[in-house]
Amino acid sequence: MLEGKAVVGETDMLQTMQQDALHLAAKALDFFDVTDSTDIARFIKKEFDRAHGPGWQCIVGTDFGSFVTHCSGCFIHFCIGSLAILLFKGSTGQDAEEDDDHFPALKSIA
């Protein structure tokens, strides 16, 4: 299976949830061509919503950046070959206001 070939970059998920994410990604790659990023993301997101409750977001591709707010324990970024997968459960952003202090230039834009 492809789970063994996955390289986890960043995560705060419990090991069991990480394994679920890797398993679902491998399953998605069995169903869809590696170039069908949207279908892969949709499959992983819907399966995680079903298994772990609604609110999951999934981004799949070979070249993307991100800056997201997520619930604690609900974030993983990993790669399978050249394909990167970001899976997280969204947060209300209550703590995000504190992060604005790290980017003072953003305050002048608002």
PDB file of N, CA and C in Angstrom:
ATOM      1  N   MET A   1       0.846  -1.194   0.000  1.00  0.00           N
ATOM      2  CA  MET A   1       0.000   0.000   0.000  1.00  0.00           C
ATOM      3  C   MET A   1       0.883   1.246   0.000  1.00  0.00           C
ATOM      4  N   LEU A   2       0.293   2.364  -0.351  1.00  0.00           N
ATOM      5  CA  LEU A   2       1.052   3.603  -0.452  1.00  0.00           C
ATOM      6  C   LEU A   2       1.301   4.279   0.890  1.00  0.00           C
ATOM      7  N   GLU A   3       0.594   3.854   1.956  1.00  0.00           N
ATOM      8  CA  GLU A   3       0.799   4.500   3.251  1.00  0.00           C
ATOM      9  C   GLU A   3       2.268   4.461   3.665  1.00  0.00           C
ATOM     10  N   GLY A   4       2.950   3.360   3.350  1.00  0.00           N
ATOM     11  CA  GLY A   4       4.354   3.213   3.711  1.00  0.00           C
ATOM     12  C   GLY A   4       5.249   4.184   2.978  1.00  0.00           C
ATOM     13  N   LYS A   5       4.774   4.709   1.860  1.00  0.00           N
ATOM     14  CA  LYS A   5       5.550   5.653   1.064  1.00  0.00           C
ATOM     15  C   LYS A   5       5.224   7.105   1.415  1.00  0.00           C
ATOM     16  N   ALA A   6       4.287   7.307   2.310  1.00  0.00           N
ATOM     17  CA  ALA A   6       3.909   8.665   2.712  1.00  0.00           C
ATOM     18  C   ALA A   6       4.958   9.240   3.655  1.00  0.00           C
ATOM     19  N   VAL A   7       5.224  10.528   3.482  1.00  0.00           N
ATOM     20  CA  VAL A   7       6.151  11.241   4.356  1.00  0.00           C
ATOM     21  C   VAL A   7       5.352  12.351   5.042  1.00  0.00           C
ATOM     22  N   VAL A   8       5.192  12.221   6.354  1.00  0.00           N
ATOM     23  CA  VAL A   8       4.441  13.217   7.113  1.00  0.00           C
ATOM     24  C   VAL A   8       5.348  14.409   7.393  1.00  0.00           C
ATOM     25  N   GLY A   9       4.876  15.601   6.989  1.00  0.00           N
ATOM     26  CA  GLY A   9       5.631  16.826   7.219  1.00  0.00           C
ATOM     27  C   GLY A   9       5.322  17.412   8.581  1.00  0.00           C
ATOM     28  N   GLU A  10       4.105  17.864   8.761  1.00  0.00           N
ATOM     29  CA  GLU A  10       3.656  18.462  10.020  1.00  0.00           C
ATOM     30  C   GLU A  10       2.334  17.832  10.409  1.00  0.00           C
ATOM     31  N   THR A  11       2.154  17.626  11.701  1.00  0.00           N
ATOM     32  CA  THR A  11       0.874  17.120  12.185  1.00  0.00           C
ATOM     33  C   THR A  11       0.756  17.365  13.676  1.00  0.00           C
ATOM     34  N   ASP A  12      -0.473  17.488  14.138  1.00  0.00           N
ATOM     35  CA  ASP A  12      -0.740  17.476  15.579  1.00  0.00           C
ATOM     36  C   ASP A  12      -1.827  16.442  15.891  1.00  0.00           C
ATOM     37  N   MET A  13      -2.096  15.559  14.905  1.00  0.00           N
ATOM     38  CA  MET A  13      -3.109  14.519  15.061  1.00  0.00           C
ATOM     39  C   MET A  13      -2.578  13.371  15.917  1.00  0.00           C
ATOM     40  N   LEU A  14      -3.505  12.676  16.566  1.00  0.00           N
ATOM     41  CA  LEU A  14      -3.168  11.427  17.231  1.00  0.00           C
ATOM     42  C   LEU A  14      -2.751  10.416  16.171  1.00  0.00           C
ATOM     43  N   GLN A  15      -1.938   9.467  16.559  1.00  0.00           N
ATOM     44  CA  GLN A  15      -1.403   8.482  15.622  1.00  0.00           C
ATOM     45  C   GLN A  15      -2.507   7.730  14.870  1.00  0.00           C
ATOM     46  N   THR A  16      -3.582   7.382  15.564  1.00  0.00           N
ATOM     47  CA  THR A  16      -4.660   6.629  14.905  1.00  0.00           C
ATOM     48  C   THR A  16      -5.330   7.456  13.812  1.00  0.00           C
ATOM     49  N   MET A  17      -5.516   8.745  14.049  1.00  0.00           N
ATOM     50  CA  MET A  17      -6.128   9.611  13.046  1.00  0.00           C
ATOM     51  C   MET A  17      -5.165   9.828  11.876  1.00  0.00           C
ATOM     52  N   GLN A  18      -3.868   9.930  12.176  1.00  0.00           N
ATOM     53  CA  GLN A  18      -2.874  10.046  11.107  1.00  0.00           C
ATOM     54  C   GLN A  18      -2.938   8.834  10.197  1.00  0.00           C
ATOM     55  N   GLN A  19      -3.009   7.655  10.791  1.00  0.00           N
ATOM     56  CA  GLN A  19      -3.064   6.426  10.001  1.00  0.00           C
ATOM     57  C   GLN A  19      -4.329   6.383   9.149  1.00  0.00           C
ATOM     58  N   ASP A  20      -5.423   6.900   9.684  1.00  0.00           N
ATOM     59  CA  ASP A  20      -6.670   6.977   8.927  1.00  0.00           C
ATOM     60  C   ASP A  20      -6.486   7.886   7.709  1.00  0.00           C
ATOM     61  N   ALA A  21      -5.841   9.036   7.901  1.00  0.00           N
ATOM     62  CA  ALA A  21      -5.594   9.965   6.796  1.00  0.00           C
ATOM     63  C   ALA A  21      -4.725   9.320   5.722  1.00  0.00           C
ATOM     64  N   LEU A  22      -3.668   8.633   6.124  1.00  0.00           N
ATOM     65  CA  LEU A  22      -2.769   7.989   5.167  1.00  0.00           C
ATOM     66  C   LEU A  22      -3.485   6.861   4.422  1.00  0.00           C
ATOM     67  N   HIS A  23      -4.290   6.099   5.156  1.00  0.00           N
ATOM     68  CA  HIS A  23      -5.052   5.001   4.538  1.00  0.00           C
ATOM     69  C   HIS A  23      -6.045   5.540   3.510  1.00  0.00           C
ATOM     70  N   LEU A  24      -6.755   6.614   3.863  1.00  0.00           N
ATOM     71  CA  LEU A  24      -7.738   7.179   2.932  1.00  0.00           C
ATOM     72  C   LEU A  24      -7.067   7.783   1.707  1.00  0.00           C
ATOM     73  N   ALA A  25      -5.896   8.388   1.890  1.00  0.00           N
ATOM     74  CA  ALA A  25      -5.176   8.939   0.744  1.00  0.00           C
ATOM     75  C   ALA A  25      -4.757   7.816  -0.203  1.00  0.00           C
ATOM     76  N   ALA A  26      -4.262   6.725   0.357  1.00  0.00           N
ATOM     77  CA  ALA A  26      -3.873   5.579  -0.469  1.00  0.00           C
ATOM     78  C   ALA A  26      -5.084   5.007  -1.201  1.00  0.00           C
ATOM     79  N   LYS A  27      -6.211   4.933  -0.501  1.00  0.00           N
ATOM     80  CA  LYS A  27      -7.447   4.433  -1.110  1.00  0.00           C
ATOM     81  C   LYS A  27      -7.901   5.357  -2.244  1.00  0.00           C
ATOM     82  N   ALA A  28      -7.802   6.667  -2.013  1.00  0.00           N
ATOM     83  CA  ALA A  28      -8.178   7.638  -3.048  1.00  0.00           C
ATOM     84  C   ALA A  28      -7.293   7.475  -4.282  1.00  0.00           C
ATOM     85  N   LEU A  29      -6.005   7.215  -4.060  1.00  0.00           N
ATOM     86  CA  LEU A  29      -5.097   7.042  -5.188  1.00  0.00           C
ATOM     87  C   LEU A  29      -5.337   5.720  -5.922  1.00  0.00           C
ATOM     88  N   ASP A  30      -5.971   4.768  -5.253  1.00  0.00           N
ATOM     89  CA  ASP A  30      -6.389   3.540  -5.932  1.00  0.00           C
ATOM     90  C   ASP A  30      -7.580   3.809  -6.850  1.00  0.00           C
ATOM     91  N   PHE A  31      -8.459   4.732  -6.429  1.00  0.00           N
ATOM     92  CA  PHE A  31      -9.677   5.045  -7.190  1.00  0.00           C
ATOM     93  C   PHE A  31      -9.451   6.069  -8.292  1.00  0.00           C
ATOM     94  N   PHE A  32      -8.578   7.051  -8.040  1.00  0.00           N
ATOM     95  CA  PHE A  32      -8.416   8.182  -8.945  1.00  0.00           C
ATOM     96  C   PHE A  32      -6.983   8.284  -9.445  1.00  0.00           C
ATOM     97  N   ASP A  33      -6.826   8.859 -10.628  1.00  0.00           N
ATOM     98  CA  ASP A  33      -5.504   9.132 -11.171  1.00  0.00           C
ATOM     99  C   ASP A  33      -4.838  10.229 -10.339  1.00  0.00           C
ATOM    100  N   VAL A  34      -3.533  10.176 -10.232  1.00  0.00           N
ATOM    101  CA  VAL A  34      -2.788  11.142  -9.420  1.00  0.00           C
ATOM    102  C   VAL A  34      -3.008  12.579  -9.906  1.00  0.00           C
ATOM    103  N   THR A  35      -3.420  12.749 -11.166  1.00  0.00           N
ATOM    104  CA  THR A  35      -3.666  14.096 -11.699  1.00  0.00           C
ATOM    105  C   THR A  35      -5.050  14.634 -11.333  1.00  0.00           C
ATOM    106  N   ASP A  36      -5.911  13.794 -10.752  1.00  0.00           N
ATOM    107  CA  ASP A  36      -7.265  14.213 -10.371  1.00  0.00           C
ATOM    108  C   ASP A  36      -7.290  14.737  -8.936  1.00  0.00           C
ATOM    109  N   SER A  37      -6.567  15.825  -8.706  1.00  0.00           N
ATOM    110  CA  SER A  37      -6.404  16.369  -7.351  1.00  0.00           C
ATOM    111  C   SER A  37      -7.732  16.694  -6.675  1.00  0.00           C
ATOM    112  N   THR A  38      -8.666  17.262  -7.414  1.00  0.00           N
ATOM    113  CA  THR A  38      -9.953  17.640  -6.832  1.00  0.00           C
ATOM    114  C   THR A  38     -10.739  16.416  -6.381  1.00  0.00           C
ATOM    115  N   ASP A  39     -10.743  15.369  -7.197  1.00  0.00           N
ATOM    116  CA  ASP A  39     -11.451  14.140  -6.819  1.00  0.00           C
ATOM    117  C   ASP A  39     -10.811  13.475  -5.608  1.00  0.00           C
ATOM    118  N   ILE A  40      -9.485  13.491  -5.546  1.00  0.00           N
ATOM    119  CA  ILE A  40      -8.773  12.926  -4.397  1.00  0.00           C
ATOM    120  C   ILE A  40      -9.124  13.699  -3.141  1.00  0.00           C
ATOM    121  N   ALA A  41      -9.075  15.033  -3.231  1.00  0.00           N
ATOM    122  CA  ALA A  41      -9.398  15.886  -2.075  1.00  0.00           C
ATOM    123  C   ALA A  41     -10.841  15.680  -1.626  1.00  0.00           C
ATOM    124  N   ARG A  42     -11.767  15.627  -2.567  1.00  0.00           N
ATOM    125  CA  ARG A  42     -13.186  15.428  -2.248  1.00  0.00           C
ATOM    126  C   ARG A  42     -13.391  14.092  -1.526  1.00  0.00           C
ATOM    127  N   PHE A  43     -12.759  13.034  -2.021  1.00  0.00           N
ATOM    128  CA  PHE A  43     -12.886  11.717  -1.409  1.00  0.00           C
ATOM    129  C   PHE A  43     -12.380  11.730   0.034  1.00  0.00           C
ATOM    130  N   ILE A  44     -11.183  12.266   0.247  1.00  0.00           N
ATOM    131  CA  ILE A  44     -10.599  12.290   1.593  1.00  0.00           C
ATOM    132  C   ILE A  44     -11.457  13.138   2.519  1.00  0.00           C
ATOM    133  N   LYS A  45     -11.887  14.318   2.077  1.00  0.00           N
ATOM    134  CA  LYS A  45     -12.693  15.228   2.896  1.00  0.00           C
ATOM    135  C   LYS A  45     -14.008  14.564   3.308  1.00  0.00           C
ATOM    136  N   LYS A  46     -14.710  13.976   2.340  1.00  0.00           N
ATOM    137  CA  LYS A  46     -16.011  13.365   2.649  1.00  0.00           C
ATOM    138  C   LYS A  46     -15.868  12.183   3.597  1.00  0.00           C
ATOM    139  N   GLU A  47     -14.829  11.380   3.411  1.00  0.00           N
ATOM    140  CA  GLU A  47     -14.612  10.238   4.298  1.00  0.00           C
ATOM    141  C   GLU A  47     -14.238  10.713   5.711  1.00  0.00           C
ATOM    142  N   PHE A  48     -13.439  11.770   5.815  1.00  0.00           N
ATOM    143  CA  PHE A  48     -13.093  12.291   7.144  1.00  0.00           C
ATOM    144  C   PHE A  48     -14.304  12.934   7.808  1.00  0.00           C
ATOM    145  N   ASP A  49     -15.130  13.640   7.048  1.00  0.00           N
ATOM    146  CA  ASP A  49     -16.380  14.194   7.592  1.00  0.00           C
ATOM    147  C   ASP A  49     -17.252  13.079   8.161  1.00  0.00           C
ATOM    148  N   ARG A  50     -17.352  11.974   7.420  1.00  0.00           N
ATOM    149  CA  ARG A  50     -18.172  10.853   7.858  1.00  0.00           C
ATOM    150  C   ARG A  50     -17.603  10.194   9.117  1.00  0.00           C
ATOM    151  N   ALA A  51     -16.292  10.011   9.150  1.00  0.00           N
ATOM    152  CA  ALA A  51     -15.663   9.285  10.252  1.00  0.00           C
ATOM    153  C   ALA A  51     -15.380  10.145  11.487  1.00  0.00           C
ATOM    154  N   HIS A  52     -15.110  11.443  11.275  1.00  0.00           N
ATOM    155  CA  HIS A  52     -14.644  12.290  12.375  1.00  0.00           C
ATOM    156  C   HIS A  52     -15.471  13.564  12.565  1.00  0.00           C
ATOM    157  N   GLY A  53     -16.651  13.612  11.965  1.00  0.00           N
ATOM    158  CA  GLY A  53     -17.517  14.777  12.108  1.00  0.00           C
ATOM    159  C   GLY A  53     -17.253  15.806  11.024  1.00  0.00           C
ATOM    160  N   PRO A  54     -18.233  16.687  10.784  1.00  0.00           N
ATOM    161  CA  PRO A  54     -18.126  17.657   9.687  1.00  0.00           C
ATOM    162  C   PRO A  54     -17.110  18.760   9.958  1.00  0.00           C
ATOM    163  N   GLY A  55     -16.732  19.443   8.891  1.00  0.00           N
ATOM    164  CA  GLY A  55     -15.867  20.611   9.005  1.00  0.00           C
ATOM    165  C   GLY A  55     -14.455  20.405   8.494  1.00  0.00           C
ATOM    166  N   TRP A  56     -14.161  19.248   7.912  1.00  0.00           N
ATOM    167  CA  TRP A  56     -12.816  18.975   7.411  1.00  0.00           C
ATOM    168  C   TRP A  56     -12.603  19.649   6.070  1.00  0.00           C
ATOM    169  N   GLN A  57     -11.375  20.071   5.836  1.00  0.00           N
ATOM    170  CA  GLN A  57     -10.962  20.685   4.578  1.00  0.00           C
ATOM    171  C   GLN A  57      -9.767  19.900   4.061  1.00  0.00           C
ATOM    172  N   CYS A  58      -9.680  19.708   2.753  1.00  0.00           N
ATOM    173  CA  CYS A  58      -8.579  18.948   2.171  1.00  0.00           C
ATOM    174  C   CYS A  58      -8.080  19.653   0.919  1.00  0.00           C
ATOM    175  N   ILE A  59      -6.777  19.825   0.850  1.00  0.00           N
ATOM    176  CA  ILE A  59      -6.120  20.433  -0.306  1.00  0.00           C
ATOM    177  C   ILE A  59      -5.109  19.421  -0.825  1.00  0.00           C
ATOM    178  N   VAL A  60      -5.150  19.172  -2.125  1.00  0.00           N
ATOM    179  CA  VAL A  60      -4.262  18.191  -2.744  1.00  0.00           C
ATOM    180  C   VAL A  60      -3.626  18.822  -3.977  1.00  0.00           C
ATOM    181  N   GLY A  61      -2.331  18.655  -4.128  1.00  0.00           N
ATOM    182  CA  GLY A  61      -1.664  19.173  -5.311  1.00  0.00           C
ATOM    183  C   GLY A  61      -0.166  18.982  -5.242  1.00  0.00           C
ATOM    184  N   THR A  62       0.507  19.475  -6.261  1.00  0.00           N
ATOM    185  CA  THR A  62       1.958  19.357  -6.314  1.00  0.00           C
ATOM    186  C   THR A  62       2.663  20.655  -5.959  1.00  0.00           C
ATOM    187  N   ASP A  63       1.931  21.767  -5.919  1.00  0.00           N
ATOM    188  CA  ASP A  63       2.557  23.052  -5.621  1.00  0.00           C
ATOM    189  C   ASP A  63       1.501  24.010  -5.079  1.00  0.00           C
ATOM    190  N   PHE A  64       1.459  24.179  -3.773  1.00  0.00           N
ATOM    191  CA  PHE A  64       0.526  25.137  -3.179  1.00  0.00           C
ATOM    192  C   PHE A  64       1.090  25.647  -1.861  1.00  0.00           C
ATOM    193  N   GLY A  65       0.644  26.805  -1.476  1.00  0.00           N
ATOM    194  CA  GLY A  65       0.973  27.364  -0.171  1.00  0.00           C
ATOM    195  C   GLY A  65      -0.302  27.437   0.639  1.00  0.00           C
ATOM    196  N   SER A  66      -0.155  27.583   1.942  1.00  0.00           N
ATOM    197  CA  SER A  66      -1.343  27.687   2.782  1.00  0.00           C
ATOM    198  C   SER A  66      -1.020  28.430   4.067  1.00  0.00           C
ATOM    199  N   PHE A  67      -2.049  28.988   4.644  1.00  0.00           N
ATOM    200  CA  PHE A  67      -1.993  29.586   5.970  1.00  0.00           C
ATOM    201  C   PHE A  67      -3.387  29.409   6.533  1.00  0.00           C
ATOM    202  N   VAL A  68      -3.552  28.432   7.415  1.00  0.00           N
ATOM    203  CA  VAL A  68      -4.883  28.053   7.854  1.00  0.00           C
ATOM    204  C   VAL A  68      -4.989  28.088   9.377  1.00  0.00           C
ATOM    205  N   THR A  69      -6.211  28.244   9.845  1.00  0.00           N
ATOM    206  CA  THR A  69      -6.528  28.119  11.258  1.00  0.00           C
ATOM    207  C   THR A  69      -7.255  26.795  11.424  1.00  0.00           C
ATOM    208  N   HIS A  70      -6.775  25.978  12.363  1.00  0.00           N
ATOM    209  CA  HIS A  70      -7.354  24.648  12.511  1.00  0.00           C
ATOM    210  C   HIS A  70      -7.595  24.332  13.976  1.00  0.00           C
ATOM    211  N   CYS A  71      -8.483  23.385  14.202  1.00  0.00           N
ATOM    212  CA  CYS A  71      -8.740  22.902  15.554  1.00  0.00           C
ATOM    213  C   CYS A  71      -7.527  22.113  16.038  1.00  0.00           C
ATOM    214  N   SER A  72      -7.269  22.205  17.317  1.00  0.00           N
ATOM    215  CA  SER A  72      -6.157  21.468  17.910  1.00  0.00           C
ATOM    216  C   SER A  72      -6.352  19.965  17.708  1.00  0.00           C
ATOM    217  N   GLY A  73      -5.288  19.286  17.281  1.00  0.00           N
ATOM    218  CA  GLY A  73      -5.340  17.854  17.065  1.00  0.00           C
ATOM    219  C   GLY A  73      -5.954  17.447  15.742  1.00  0.00           C
ATOM    220  N   CYS A  74      -6.169  18.415  14.844  1.00  0.00           N
ATOM    221  CA  CYS A  74      -6.884  18.142  13.594  1.00  0.00           C
ATOM    222  C   CYS A  74      -6.153  18.694  12.374  1.00  0.00           C
ATOM    223  N   PHE A  75      -4.838  18.460  12.303  1.00  0.00           N
ATOM    224  CA  PHE A  75      -4.047  18.982  11.190  1.00  0.00           C
ATOM    225  C   PHE A  75      -3.000  17.957  10.776  1.00  0.00           C
ATOM    226  N   ILE A  76      -2.888  17.729   9.480  1.00  0.00           N
ATOM    227  CA  ILE A  76      -1.807  16.909   8.946  1.00  0.00           C
ATOM    228  C   ILE A  76      -1.447  17.388   7.546  1.00  0.00           C
ATOM    229  N   HIS A  77      -0.155  17.436   7.290  1.00  0.00           N
ATOM    230  CA  HIS A  77       0.370  17.720   5.949  1.00  0.00           C
ATOM    231  C   HIS A  77       1.350  16.603   5.629  1.00  0.00           C
ATOM    232  N   PHE A  78       1.115  15.911   4.519  1.00  0.00           N
ATOM    233  CA  PHE A  78       1.997  14.810   4.146  1.00  0.00           C
ATOM    234  C   PHE A  78       2.105  14.719   2.635  1.00  0.00           C
ATOM    235  N   CYS A  79       3.116  13.986   2.189  1.00  0.00           N
ATOM    236  CA  CYS A  79       3.351  13.797   0.759  1.00  0.00           C
ATOM    237  C   CYS A  79       3.393  12.314   0.435  1.00  0.00           C
ATOM    238  N   ILE A  80       2.848  11.979  -0.698  1.00  0.00           N
ATOM    239  CA  ILE A  80       2.988  10.652  -1.278  1.00  0.00           C
ATOM    240  C   ILE A  80       3.583  10.890  -2.659  1.00  0.00           C
ATOM    241  N   GLY A  81       4.847  10.575  -2.802  1.00  0.00           N
ATOM    242  CA  GLY A  81       5.556  10.919  -4.027  1.00  0.00           C
ATOM    243  C   GLY A  81       5.607  12.431  -4.155  1.00  0.00           C
ATOM    244  N   SER A  82       5.223  12.946  -5.314  1.00  0.00           N
ATOM    245  CA  SER A  82       5.239  14.398  -5.533  1.00  0.00           C
ATOM    246  C   SER A  82       3.915  15.065  -5.143  1.00  0.00           C
ATOM    247  N   LEU A  83       2.952  14.278  -4.702  1.00  0.00           N
ATOM    248  CA  LEU A  83       1.626  14.799  -4.355  1.00  0.00           C
ATOM    249  C   LEU A  83       1.574  15.171  -2.872  1.00  0.00           C
ATOM    250  N   ALA A  84       1.254  16.428  -2.598  1.00  0.00           N
ATOM    251  CA  ALA A  84       1.127  16.904  -1.218  1.00  0.00           C
ATOM    252  C   ALA A  84      -0.349  16.929  -0.826  1.00  0.00           C
ATOM    253  N   ILE A  85      -0.616  16.581   0.425  1.00  0.00           N
ATOM    254  CA  ILE A  85      -1.983  16.553   0.939  1.00  0.00           C
ATOM    255  C   ILE A  85      -2.022  17.287   2.265  1.00  0.00           C
ATOM    256  N   LEU A  86      -2.914  18.258   2.345  1.00  0.00           N
ATOM    257  CA  LEU A  86      -3.143  19.022   3.568  1.00  0.00           C
ATOM    258  C   LEU A  86      -4.572  18.742   4.003  1.00  0.00           C
ATOM    259  N   LEU A  87      -4.728  18.231   5.212  1.00  0.00           N
ATOM    260  CA  LEU A  87      -6.041  17.886   5.737  1.00  0.00           C
ATOM    261  C   LEU A  87      -6.171  18.502   7.115  1.00  0.00           C
ATOM    262  N   PHE A  88      -7.241  19.267   7.325  1.00  0.00           N
ATOM    263  CA  PHE A  88      -7.428  19.917   8.612  1.00  0.00           C
ATOM    264  C   PHE A  88      -8.900  20.181   8.865  1.00  0.00           C
ATOM    265  N   LYS A  89      -9.231  20.305  10.138  1.00  0.00           N
ATOM    266  CA  LYS A  89     -10.585  20.683  10.529  1.00  0.00           C
ATOM    267  C   LYS A  89     -10.547  22.162  10.868  1.00  0.00           C
ATOM    268  N   GLY A  90     -11.408  22.934  10.218  1.00  0.00           N
ATOM    269  CA  GLY A  90     -11.414  24.376  10.396  1.00  0.00           C
ATOM    270  C   GLY A  90     -11.750  24.799  11.809  1.00  0.00           C
ATOM    271  N   SER A  91     -11.285  25.980  12.147  1.00  0.00           N
ATOM    272  CA  SER A  91     -11.516  26.561  13.465  1.00  0.00           C
ATOM    273  C   SER A  91     -12.210  27.908  13.290  1.00  0.00           C
ATOM    274  N   THR A  92     -12.800  28.396  14.362  1.00  0.00           N
ATOM    275  CA  THR A  92     -13.484  29.683  14.306  1.00  0.00           C
ATOM    276  C   THR A  92     -12.505  30.837  14.208  1.00  0.00           C
ATOM    277  N   GLY A  93     -11.247  30.601  14.517  1.00  0.00           N
ATOM    278  CA  GLY A  93     -10.245  31.651  14.403  1.00  0.00           C
ATOM    279  C   GLY A  93     -10.166  32.559  15.609  1.00  0.00           C
ATOM    280  N   GLN A  94     -10.684  32.130  16.741  1.00  0.00           N
ATOM    281  CA  GLN A  94     -10.641  32.961  17.944  1.00  0.00           C
ATOM    282  C   GLN A  94      -9.217  33.384  18.290  1.00  0.00           C
ATOM    283  N   ASP A  95      -8.268  32.468  18.107  1.00  0.00           N
ATOM    284  CA  ASP A  95      -6.880  32.770  18.432  1.00  0.00           C
ATOM    285  C   ASP A  95      -6.157  33.472  17.290  1.00  0.00           C
ATOM    286  N   ALA A  96      -6.758  33.531  16.133  1.00  0.00           N
ATOM    287  CA  ALA A  96      -6.097  34.103  14.963  1.00  0.00           C
ATOM    288  C   ALA A  96      -5.822  35.585  15.140  1.00  0.00           C
ATOM    289  N   GLU A  97      -6.666  36.293  15.887  1.00  0.00           N
ATOM    290  CA  GLU A  97      -6.451  37.720  16.091  1.00  0.00           C
ATOM    291  C   GLU A  97      -5.114  37.975  16.761  1.00  0.00           C
ATOM    292  N   GLU A  98      -4.683  37.102  17.659  1.00  0.00           N
ATOM    293  CA  GLU A  98      -3.399  37.258  18.312  1.00  0.00           C
ATOM    294  C   GLU A  98      -2.266  37.122  17.307  1.00  0.00           C
ATOM    295  N   ASP A  99      -2.420  36.294  16.276  1.00  0.00           N
ATOM    296  CA  ASP A  99      -1.384  36.076  15.287  1.00  0.00           C
ATOM    297  C   ASP A  99      -1.139  37.308  14.421  1.00  0.00           C
ATOM    298  N   ASP A 100      -2.099  38.216  14.322  1.00  0.00           N
ATOM    299  CA  ASP A 100      -1.933  39.411  13.510  1.00  0.00           C
ATOM    300  C   ASP A 100      -0.766  40.258  13.991  1.00  0.00           C
ATOM    301  N   ASP A 101      -0.389  40.154  15.257  1.00  0.00           N
ATOM    302  CA  ASP A 101       0.734  40.923  15.783  1.00  0.00           C
ATOM    303  C   ASP A 101       2.050  40.519  15.120  1.00  0.00           C
ATOM    304  N   HIS A 102       2.100  39.327  14.538  1.00  0.00           N
ATOM    305  CA  HIS A 102       3.305  38.872  13.863  1.00  0.00           C
ATOM    306  C   HIS A 102       3.448  39.488  12.480  1.00  0.00           C
ATOM    307  N   PHE A 103       2.381  40.103  11.977  1.00  0.00           N
ATOM    308  CA  PHE A 103       2.392  40.705  10.652  1.00  0.00           C
ATOM    309  C   PHE A 103       1.846  42.137  10.733  1.00  0.00           C
ATOM    310  N   PRO A 104       2.633  43.070  11.267  1.00  0.00           N
ATOM    311  CA  PRO A 104       2.128  44.432  11.440  1.00  0.00           C
ATOM    312  C   PRO A 104       1.725  45.096  10.126  1.00  0.00           C
ATOM    313  N   ALA A 105       2.320  44.702   9.012  1.00  0.00           N
ATOM    314  CA  ALA A 105       1.956  45.304   7.717  1.00  0.00           C
ATOM    315  C   ALA A 105       0.514  44.992   7.355  1.00  0.00           C
ATOM    316  N   LEU A 106      -0.026  43.867   7.825  1.00  0.00           N
ATOM    317  CA  LEU A 106      -1.412  43.509   7.517  1.00  0.00           C
ATOM    318  C   LEU A 106      -2.394  44.475   8.156  1.00  0.00           C
ATOM    319  N   LYS A 107      -2.042  45.064   9.291  1.00  0.00           N
ATOM    320  CA  LYS A 107      -2.940  46.001   9.956  1.00  0.00           C
ATOM    321  C   LYS A 107      -3.157  47.254   9.104  1.00  0.00           C
ATOM    322  N   SER A 108      -2.141  47.665   8.357  1.00  0.00           N
ATOM    323  CA  SER A 108      -2.298  48.851   7.533  1.00  0.00           C
ATOM    324  C   SER A 108      -3.152  48.581   6.304  1.00  0.00           C
ATOM    325  N   ILE A 109      -3.287  47.323   5.922  1.00  0.00           N
ATOM    326  CA  ILE A 109      -4.116  46.968   4.763  1.00  0.00           C
ATOM    327  C   ILE A 109      -5.584  47.014   5.133  1.00  0.00           C
ATOM    328  N   ALA A 110      -5.916  46.592   6.346  1.00  0.00           N
ATOM    329  CA  ALA A 110      -7.296  46.473   6.777  1.00  0.00           C
ATOM    330  C   ALA A 110      -7.987  47.799   6.883  1.00  0.00           C
TER     331      ALA A 110
END
